[in-house]
Amino acid sequence: MYYIAVCDDDKRIGGYIENIILNYGKRESIKLEVDVYFTGEELIANCQQGEYYDLIFLDIEMNGRT
C-alpha cells in the first residue's frame, strides 16, 4: 500500500491529480490511498499528528484561492 498526499489550493486541480493517481493504481493493480489537502498548513498539521506519506504532490505556488 502506498500513501500519497496531494496539496493544491485549487480544488479542481487537486481532484484532477487525485483521479490520475487512482486511475494509475487501478490500471497497474497497485494499492493506493490518496489524501487531498487544500492548504499547506492542513498538510503539515496532519503530518505533525503522525500522518505518513510515501509521496507528496505539492503545488509550487499556493495563493489561497479555493
N, C-alpha and C. Protein backbone atom coordinates (compact mmCIF):
# COMPACT_ATOMS: atom_id res chain seq x y z
N MET A 1 0.85 -1.17 0.00
CA MET A 1 0.00 0.00 0.00
C MET A 1 0.89 1.23 0.00
N TYR A 2 0.57 2.15 -0.88
CA TYR A 2 1.27 3.43 -0.93
C TYR A 2 0.32 4.53 -0.45
N TYR A 3 0.84 5.40 0.39
CA TYR A 3 0.07 6.52 0.91
C TYR A 3 0.57 7.79 0.23
N ILE A 4 -0.35 8.49 -0.41
CA ILE A 4 0.01 9.65 -1.23
C ILE A 4 -0.82 10.85 -0.80
N ALA A 5 -0.18 12.00 -0.73
CA ALA A 5 -0.88 13.26 -0.45
C ALA A 5 -0.77 14.17 -1.66
N VAL A 6 -1.85 14.89 -1.91
CA VAL A 6 -1.88 15.93 -2.94
C VAL A 6 -2.23 17.22 -2.22
N CYS A 7 -1.45 18.26 -2.42
CA CYS A 7 -1.73 19.54 -1.78
C CYS A 7 -1.75 20.62 -2.86
N ASP A 8 -2.95 21.17 -3.07
CA ASP A 8 -3.12 22.21 -4.09
C ASP A 8 -4.27 23.10 -3.65
N ASP A 9 -4.10 24.39 -3.75
CA ASP A 9 -5.15 25.32 -3.33
C ASP A 9 -6.30 25.41 -4.33
N ASP A 10 -6.13 24.87 -5.50
CA ASP A 10 -7.20 24.84 -6.50
C ASP A 10 -7.88 23.48 -6.41
N LYS A 11 -9.13 23.45 -5.95
CA LYS A 11 -9.83 22.19 -5.72
C LYS A 11 -9.98 21.37 -6.99
N ARG A 12 -10.17 22.02 -8.13
CA ARG A 12 -10.31 21.28 -9.39
C ARG A 12 -9.03 20.53 -9.72
N ILE A 13 -7.91 21.19 -9.56
CA ILE A 13 -6.63 20.56 -9.87
C ILE A 13 -6.32 19.45 -8.87
N GLY A 14 -6.59 19.70 -7.60
CA GLY A 14 -6.37 18.66 -6.58
C GLY A 14 -7.16 17.40 -6.89
N GLY A 15 -8.42 17.57 -7.26
CA GLY A 15 -9.25 16.43 -7.63
C GLY A 15 -8.78 15.75 -8.90
N TYR A 16 -8.32 16.53 -9.85
CA TYR A 16 -7.83 16.01 -11.12
C TYR A 16 -6.59 15.14 -10.88
N ILE A 17 -5.66 15.63 -10.07
CA ILE A 17 -4.45 14.86 -9.77
C ILE A 17 -4.80 13.59 -9.01
N GLU A 18 -5.73 13.70 -8.08
CA GLU A 18 -6.17 12.53 -7.32
C GLU A 18 -6.72 11.46 -8.27
N ASN A 19 -7.54 11.86 -9.22
CA ASN A 19 -8.11 10.90 -10.17
C ASN A 19 -7.03 10.25 -11.04
N ILE A 20 -6.06 11.02 -11.47
CA ILE A 20 -4.96 10.46 -12.26
C ILE A 20 -4.23 9.39 -11.45
N ILE A 21 -3.93 9.68 -10.21
CA ILE A 21 -3.20 8.74 -9.35
C ILE A 21 -4.03 7.48 -9.12
N LEU A 22 -5.31 7.64 -8.79
CA LEU A 22 -6.16 6.49 -8.52
C LEU A 22 -6.36 5.63 -9.76
N ASN A 23 -6.53 6.26 -10.91
CA ASN A 23 -6.67 5.50 -12.16
C ASN A 23 -5.40 4.73 -12.48
N TYR A 24 -4.26 5.34 -12.24
CA TYR A 24 -2.98 4.66 -12.46
C TYR A 24 -2.88 3.43 -11.55
N GLY A 25 -3.21 3.61 -10.27
CA GLY A 25 -3.16 2.50 -9.33
C GLY A 25 -4.07 1.35 -9.75
N LYS A 26 -5.25 1.70 -10.20
CA LYS A 26 -6.20 0.68 -10.64
C LYS A 26 -5.67 -0.05 -11.88
N ARG A 27 -5.15 0.70 -12.83
CA ARG A 27 -4.64 0.14 -14.08
C ARG A 27 -3.45 -0.79 -13.82
N GLU A 28 -2.59 -0.41 -12.88
CA GLU A 28 -1.37 -1.18 -12.60
C GLU A 28 -1.53 -2.14 -11.42
N SER A 29 -2.74 -2.25 -10.89
CA SER A 29 -3.04 -3.11 -9.73
C SER A 29 -2.14 -2.79 -8.53
N ILE A 30 -2.03 -1.49 -8.25
CA ILE A 30 -1.25 -1.01 -7.11
C ILE A 30 -2.22 -0.44 -6.10
N LYS A 31 -2.10 -0.87 -4.86
CA LYS A 31 -2.97 -0.35 -3.80
C LYS A 31 -2.47 1.02 -3.38
N LEU A 32 -3.37 2.00 -3.48
CA LEU A 32 -3.04 3.39 -3.16
C LEU A 32 -4.09 3.98 -2.24
N GLU A 33 -3.65 4.86 -1.38
CA GLU A 33 -4.58 5.69 -0.62
C GLU A 33 -4.14 7.13 -0.84
N VAL A 34 -5.07 7.98 -1.28
CA VAL A 34 -4.74 9.36 -1.62
C VAL A 34 -5.54 10.31 -0.73
N ASP A 35 -4.86 11.23 -0.09
CA ASP A 35 -5.49 12.31 0.67
C ASP A 35 -5.21 13.61 -0.07
N VAL A 36 -6.24 14.45 -0.16
CA VAL A 36 -6.10 15.74 -0.84
C VAL A 36 -6.23 16.85 0.20
N TYR A 37 -5.28 17.77 0.17
CA TYR A 37 -5.29 18.93 1.06
C TYR A 37 -5.35 20.20 0.22
N PHE A 38 -6.01 21.20 0.76
CA PHE A 38 -6.15 22.46 0.03
C PHE A 38 -5.34 23.60 0.64
N THR A 39 -4.66 23.29 1.75
CA THR A 39 -3.72 24.26 2.34
C THR A 39 -2.50 23.51 2.83
N GLY A 40 -1.36 24.16 2.75
CA GLY A 40 -0.14 23.57 3.28
C GLY A 40 -0.20 23.40 4.78
N GLU A 41 -0.88 24.31 5.46
CA GLU A 41 -1.00 24.24 6.91
C GLU A 41 -1.72 22.97 7.34
N GLU A 42 -2.76 22.61 6.60
CA GLU A 42 -3.52 21.39 6.91
C GLU A 42 -2.64 20.15 6.72
N LEU A 43 -1.89 20.12 5.65
CA LEU A 43 -0.98 19.00 5.39
C LEU A 43 0.06 18.89 6.50
N ILE A 44 0.68 19.99 6.86
CA ILE A 44 1.71 20.00 7.91
C ILE A 44 1.12 19.55 9.24
N ALA A 45 -0.07 20.05 9.57
CA ALA A 45 -0.70 19.68 10.84
C ALA A 45 -0.95 18.18 10.91
N ASN A 46 -1.43 17.59 9.84
CA ASN A 46 -1.67 16.15 9.84
C ASN A 46 -0.38 15.36 9.92
N CYS A 47 0.67 15.82 9.26
CA CYS A 47 1.96 15.15 9.35
C CYS A 47 2.52 15.24 10.76
N GLN A 48 2.33 16.36 11.41
CA GLN A 48 2.81 16.52 12.78
C GLN A 48 2.03 15.63 13.76
N GLN A 49 0.81 15.26 13.37
CA GLN A 49 -0.01 14.37 14.20
C GLN A 49 0.24 12.90 13.88
N GLY A 50 1.22 12.63 13.02
CA GLY A 50 1.62 11.27 12.75
C GLY A 50 1.21 10.71 11.41
N GLU A 51 0.53 11.49 10.60
CA GLU A 51 0.15 11.02 9.26
C GLU A 51 1.43 10.83 8.44
N TYR A 52 1.51 9.72 7.72
CA TYR A 52 2.72 9.40 6.95
C TYR A 52 2.36 9.26 5.47
N TYR A 53 3.22 9.79 4.60
CA TYR A 53 3.02 9.66 3.15
C TYR A 53 4.31 9.18 2.51
N ASP A 54 4.14 8.28 1.54
CA ASP A 54 5.26 7.81 0.75
C ASP A 54 5.63 8.83 -0.32
N LEU A 55 4.63 9.59 -0.75
CA LEU A 55 4.82 10.56 -1.84
C LEU A 55 3.87 11.73 -1.62
N ILE A 56 4.38 12.94 -1.82
CA ILE A 56 3.55 14.15 -1.69
C ILE A 56 3.67 14.96 -2.97
N PHE A 57 2.52 15.22 -3.60
CA PHE A 57 2.45 16.13 -4.74
C PHE A 57 2.07 17.49 -4.18
N LEU A 58 2.99 18.45 -4.27
CA LEU A 58 2.79 19.75 -3.64
C LEU A 58 2.80 20.86 -4.68
N ASP A 59 1.75 21.65 -4.68
CA ASP A 59 1.67 22.82 -5.56
C ASP A 59 2.83 23.75 -5.21
N ILE A 60 3.50 24.26 -6.22
CA ILE A 60 4.66 25.12 -6.00
C ILE A 60 4.22 26.51 -5.56
N GLU A 61 3.15 27.02 -6.15
CA GLU A 61 2.71 28.38 -5.84
C GLU A 61 1.27 28.32 -5.33
N MET A 62 1.14 28.49 -4.02
CA MET A 62 -0.19 28.45 -3.42
C MET A 62 -0.55 29.86 -2.97
N ASN A 63 -1.66 30.35 -3.48
CA ASN A 63 -2.02 31.73 -3.16
C ASN A 63 -3.33 31.84 -2.41
N GLY A 64 -3.88 30.74 -1.94
CA GLY A 64 -5.08 30.79 -1.12
C GLY A 64 -6.39 30.77 -1.88
N ARG A 65 -6.37 30.61 -3.21
CA ARG A 65 -7.63 30.51 -3.96
C ARG A 65 -8.31 29.21 -3.60
N THR A 66 -9.64 29.23 -3.48
CA THR A 66 -10.41 28.00 -3.24
C THR A 66 -11.52 27.88 -4.23
